Protein backbone atom coordinates (compact mmCIF):
# COMPACT_ATOMS: atom_id res chain seq x y z
CA MET A 1 106.68 109.41 75.36
CA LYS A 2 107.24 109.53 79.11
CA VAL A 3 104.25 108.92 81.40
CA GLN A 4 104.17 109.16 85.19
CA LEU A 5 101.28 108.59 87.60
CA LEU A 6 101.81 111.08 90.42
CA PRO A 7 101.48 109.84 94.00
CA SER A 8 98.59 111.02 96.16
CA SER A 9 99.06 109.38 99.56
CA VAL A 10 101.83 108.60 102.05
CA ASP A 11 102.74 105.54 104.09
CA LYS A 12 103.41 105.38 107.84
CA ASN A 13 106.95 106.68 107.25
CA GLY A 14 105.78 109.69 105.27
CA ALA A 15 107.00 108.30 101.93
CA ALA A 16 104.89 108.14 98.78
CA SER A 17 102.45 105.23 98.90
CA ALA A 18 101.03 103.03 96.15
CA ARG A 19 97.52 103.80 97.39
CA GLN A 20 95.87 106.06 94.85
CA HIS A 21 93.23 108.49 96.09
CA LEU A 22 93.73 111.04 93.31
CA THR A 23 94.51 110.73 89.61
CA CYS A 24 97.08 112.73 87.66
CA PHE A 25 99.20 111.44 84.77
CA VAL A 26 102.10 113.64 83.62
CA ILE A 27 103.27 113.23 80.04
CA ASP A 28 106.78 114.36 79.10
CA ASP A 29 106.87 116.56 82.22
CA ALA A 30 104.74 119.08 80.32
CA VAL A 31 101.10 117.94 79.94
CA THR A 32 98.79 116.25 82.41
CA ILE A 33 95.83 113.99 82.04
CA ASP A 34 93.67 115.06 85.00
CA ALA A 35 94.94 117.03 87.98
CA GLY A 36 93.97 115.14 91.12
CA SER A 37 97.36 115.34 92.88
CA LEU A 38 99.05 117.82 90.56
CA ALA A 39 99.70 120.61 93.06
CA MET A 40 100.73 118.22 95.80
CA ALA A 41 103.04 115.83 93.96
CA CYS A 42 104.55 117.35 90.83
CA SER A 43 108.31 117.90 90.66
CA ASP A 44 109.92 121.33 90.42
CA GLU A 45 110.53 120.74 86.70
CA GLN A 46 106.92 119.73 86.15
CA PHE A 47 105.73 122.76 88.12
CA GLU A 48 107.71 125.03 85.78
CA ASN A 49 106.69 123.26 82.56
CA ILE A 50 103.08 122.17 82.90
CA ARG A 51 100.64 124.64 81.41
CA ASP A 52 98.22 122.21 79.72
CA ILE A 53 95.81 120.06 81.73
CA VAL A 54 93.51 117.66 79.88
CA LEU A 55 90.54 116.40 81.88
CA THR A 56 88.81 113.04 81.50
CA HIS A 57 85.94 114.26 83.71
CA ALA A 58 85.22 116.59 86.63
CA HIS A 59 84.97 114.22 89.61
CA LEU A 60 86.90 115.51 92.62
CA ASP A 61 89.62 112.83 92.57
CA HIS A 62 90.54 113.99 89.07
CA ILE A 63 90.46 117.77 89.60
CA ALA A 64 91.31 118.34 93.29
CA GLY A 65 94.79 119.69 92.60
CA LEU A 66 93.75 121.99 89.74
CA PRO A 67 92.72 125.10 91.74
CA LEU A 68 95.71 124.70 94.08
CA PHE A 69 98.11 124.38 91.14
CA ILE A 70 96.88 127.61 89.55
CA ASP A 71 96.89 129.31 92.94
CA ASP A 72 100.55 128.36 93.48
CA LEU A 73 101.49 129.66 90.03
CA PHE A 74 99.29 132.76 90.05
CA ALA A 75 101.88 135.54 90.37
CA LYS A 76 104.55 134.01 88.12
CA LEU A 77 102.46 132.87 85.14
CA THR A 78 103.49 134.46 81.83
CA GLU A 79 100.81 132.50 79.97
CA PRO A 80 97.50 131.05 81.18
CA VAL A 81 97.12 127.50 82.39
CA ARG A 82 95.04 125.87 79.66
CA VAL A 83 92.33 123.50 80.88
CA HIS A 84 91.20 121.20 78.07
CA ALA A 85 87.73 119.83 78.79
CA THR A 86 84.32 119.30 77.24
CA ARG A 87 81.78 122.08 77.65
CA GLU A 88 79.87 119.91 80.14
CA MET A 89 83.00 119.54 82.29
CA ILE A 90 83.69 123.26 82.08
CA GLU A 91 80.17 124.02 83.27
CA VAL A 92 80.73 121.79 86.32
CA LEU A 93 84.04 123.47 87.14
CA GLU A 94 82.58 126.97 86.87
CA ARG A 95 79.43 126.09 88.82
CA ASP A 96 80.86 123.89 91.56
CA ILE A 97 84.57 124.71 91.98
CA PHE A 98 85.59 128.07 90.51
CA ASN A 99 82.46 129.77 91.81
CA TRP A 100 83.89 132.28 94.33
CA SER A 101 82.47 130.16 97.16
CA VAL A 102 84.68 127.08 96.92
CA TYR A 103 87.54 128.82 95.09
CA PRO A 104 88.10 131.99 93.04
CA ARG A 105 86.96 131.99 89.43
CA PHE A 106 90.41 132.01 87.89
CA SER A 107 88.97 132.28 84.37
CA GLU A 108 88.07 135.89 85.26
CA LEU A 109 91.40 136.80 86.88
CA SER A 110 94.72 138.09 85.58
CA ASN A 111 98.16 138.79 86.99
CA ASP A 112 100.59 141.45 85.70
CA ASN A 113 101.22 139.33 82.58
CA GLY A 114 97.62 138.60 81.62
CA PRO A 115 94.98 135.87 82.20
CA VAL A 116 95.96 133.02 84.52
CA MET A 117 93.57 130.32 83.27
CA ARG A 118 91.85 129.62 79.97
CA TYR A 119 89.38 126.90 79.05
CA VAL A 120 90.01 125.07 75.78
CA PRO A 121 86.90 123.05 74.90
CA TYR A 122 87.23 119.74 73.09
CA GLU A 123 84.60 117.45 71.56
CA ILE A 124 84.38 113.68 71.71
CA GLY A 125 85.80 112.17 68.52
CA CYS A 126 87.62 115.33 67.42
CA GLU A 127 91.41 115.25 67.63
CA PHE A 128 93.26 118.23 69.07
CA GLY A 129 96.89 119.15 69.62
CA VAL A 130 98.59 119.87 72.95
CA ARG A 131 102.30 120.67 72.79
CA ASP A 132 103.74 117.87 70.64
CA LEU A 133 100.86 115.49 71.39
CA ILE A 134 97.81 114.61 69.33
CA ILE A 135 94.89 113.66 71.56
CA LYS A 136 91.74 111.93 70.38
CA PRO A 137 88.90 111.96 72.96
CA LEU A 138 86.73 108.85 72.98
CA ALA A 139 83.36 108.12 74.54
CA VAL A 140 83.44 106.02 77.71
CA ASN A 141 80.71 104.88 80.10
CA HIS A 142 80.90 106.75 83.39
CA LEU A 143 78.34 108.30 85.72
CA VAL A 144 79.06 111.82 84.43
CA PRO A 145 80.25 113.13 81.06
CA ALA A 146 83.70 111.58 80.66
CA ALA A 147 86.29 110.73 78.06
CA GLY A 148 89.06 108.28 77.39
CA PHE A 149 91.91 109.19 75.07
CA ILE A 150 94.25 107.98 72.39
CA ILE A 151 97.42 110.03 72.85
CA SER A 152 100.21 110.04 70.29
CA ASN A 153 103.39 111.81 69.30
CA ASP A 154 105.95 111.13 66.58
CA SER A 155 107.21 107.96 68.24
CA SER A 156 104.50 106.49 70.50
CA LYS A 157 100.79 106.01 70.96
CA ILE A 158 98.89 105.06 74.11
CA ALA A 159 95.22 104.60 74.98
CA ILE A 160 93.73 105.40 78.37
CA THR A 161 90.18 104.61 79.43
CA GLY A 162 89.85 107.01 82.34
CA ASP A 163 86.98 106.02 84.66
CA THR A 164 84.50 103.77 82.93
CA SER A 165 82.20 100.79 83.04
CA ALA A 166 81.39 98.43 80.16
CA MET A 167 81.67 100.08 76.74
CA ASP A 168 81.91 99.30 73.05
CA ASP A 169 82.65 102.49 71.09
CA PHE A 170 85.99 102.98 72.84
CA TRP A 171 87.20 99.52 71.84
CA GLU A 172 86.00 99.89 68.26
CA VAL A 173 88.13 102.99 67.80
CA VAL A 174 91.16 101.67 69.69
CA ASN A 175 91.13 98.42 67.71
CA ARG A 176 91.54 100.42 64.50
CA GLU A 177 94.77 102.02 65.72
CA ASP A 178 98.13 100.73 64.55
CA ASP A 179 101.29 100.50 66.66
CA LEU A 180 99.68 101.01 70.05
CA SER A 181 102.46 101.23 72.67
CA ALA A 182 100.34 100.71 75.80
CA LEU A 183 96.78 100.56 77.12
CA LEU A 184 95.91 101.99 80.54
CA VAL A 185 92.59 100.60 81.75
CA GLU A 186 90.70 101.14 84.98
CA CYS A 187 89.66 98.59 87.60
CA ALA A 188 88.25 100.34 90.66
CA PHE A 189 86.46 97.69 92.75
CA PRO A 190 86.86 94.02 93.73
CA ASN A 191 84.47 91.41 92.41
CA HIS A 192 82.33 91.19 95.53
CA LEU A 193 81.40 94.88 95.08
CA CYS A 194 80.11 94.38 91.55
CA GLU A 195 76.80 96.06 92.41
CA LEU A 196 78.57 99.16 93.68
CA ALA A 197 80.77 99.11 90.58
CA ASP A 198 77.65 99.06 88.39
CA ILE A 199 76.00 101.91 90.30
CA SER A 200 79.13 104.08 90.11
CA HIS A 201 80.05 102.97 86.56
CA HIS A 202 83.39 101.33 87.29
CA LEU A 203 85.01 97.97 86.56
CA THR A 204 85.90 94.95 88.69
CA PRO A 205 88.45 92.28 87.66
CA LEU A 206 85.69 90.11 86.17
CA LYS A 207 84.23 93.07 84.31
CA LEU A 208 87.72 94.09 83.21
CA ALA A 209 88.26 90.63 81.72
CA ALA A 210 85.04 91.03 79.74
CA GLU A 211 86.21 94.42 78.45
CA LEU A 212 89.65 93.17 77.47
CA ALA A 213 87.98 90.40 75.45
CA LYS A 214 86.91 93.26 73.15
CA PHE A 215 90.50 94.48 72.77
CA ASP A 216 92.21 93.09 69.67
CA LYS A 217 95.78 94.27 70.26
CA HIS A 218 97.01 91.17 72.06
CA ASP A 219 100.68 92.15 71.81
CA CYS A 220 100.08 95.54 73.45
CA PRO A 221 101.14 95.94 77.12
CA VAL A 222 98.12 96.52 79.37
CA TYR A 223 98.41 98.45 82.65
CA VAL A 224 95.68 98.61 85.28
CA ILE A 225 94.91 102.00 86.85
CA ASN A 226 92.39 103.58 89.24
CA LEU A 227 92.36 100.92 91.95
CA LYS A 228 90.34 102.23 94.90
CA PRO A 229 92.84 102.37 97.78
CA ALA A 230 90.60 100.61 100.31
CA TYR A 231 90.41 97.54 98.04
CA ARG A 232 93.79 97.70 96.31
CA GLU A 233 95.23 94.44 97.66
CA THR A 234 92.05 92.47 96.97
CA ILE A 235 91.80 93.82 93.42
CA ILE A 236 95.42 92.89 92.73
CA GLU A 237 94.87 89.37 94.11
CA GLU A 238 91.81 88.90 91.89
CA ILE A 239 93.67 90.21 88.84
CA ASP A 240 96.56 87.82 89.56
CA GLU A 241 94.08 84.95 89.61
CA MET A 242 92.98 85.71 86.06
CA VAL A 243 94.58 83.05 83.82
CA ASN A 244 97.23 84.29 81.37
CA ASN A 245 96.12 87.85 81.88
CA GLY A 246 99.47 89.53 81.12
CA LEU A 247 98.35 92.58 83.09
CA GLU A 248 100.57 94.90 85.09
CA ILE A 249 99.50 97.33 87.79
CA LEU A 250 100.75 100.79 86.83
CA LYS A 251 103.23 101.84 89.53
CA VAL A 252 102.80 105.18 91.26
CA GLY A 253 105.74 107.51 90.67
CA LYS A 254 107.51 105.32 88.12
CA VAL A 255 108.36 107.00 84.82
CA TYR A 256 107.29 104.77 81.91
CA GLU A 257 108.76 105.37 78.47
CA TRP A 258 107.00 104.04 75.40
């Protein structure tokens, strides 16, 4: 399984930066988890292949590139872009994004080949297939309806929290999985902003340590994601200070193979 976190910002020289404003993970150049920077940062191959987008939740940093991606593809699509989301997420997208005021309601539109977008609802706890992947949505603790996932194919299996605060159900399910190749876990704020992290339902390094104490797969590589760009350096420093943490910051643009 190949996984890449697409870039979403540039440095002073115009090159891709490690600072992450938007979230979009591409799996095997064919499926995405979220679509924050999808239209702005996907490769030509990914642009041609990606027709399945699986959402963790409908916050702007996770869906910003979705309408632009469909817009770019509109005339050439021979099959609809499939947006996999819970019914609550779909309601938000239809009410607040694809509402004819912010952007066209693509679910009602077609090109010469047929519909250009189709919603595929999923339910928490119920596995579903996307291309050659099996995806199990898990309950997480965020400010809006949100999901984490266990994603597997014939050779690999990863878990991703998405945006979350403290939780238990997620860890109970993940701890029952065998042969986990990697865990991707969020850490959005530094420790001194713990109150803001609580209000917005995110983790800090101290809160992350408490969550990882619930994780039984001690031989599984753990990658930290979703660092707020304004606090990135501080968060990394505080994670580095955690004793024997074994954590790695997931690198923007790097293709990981598990």
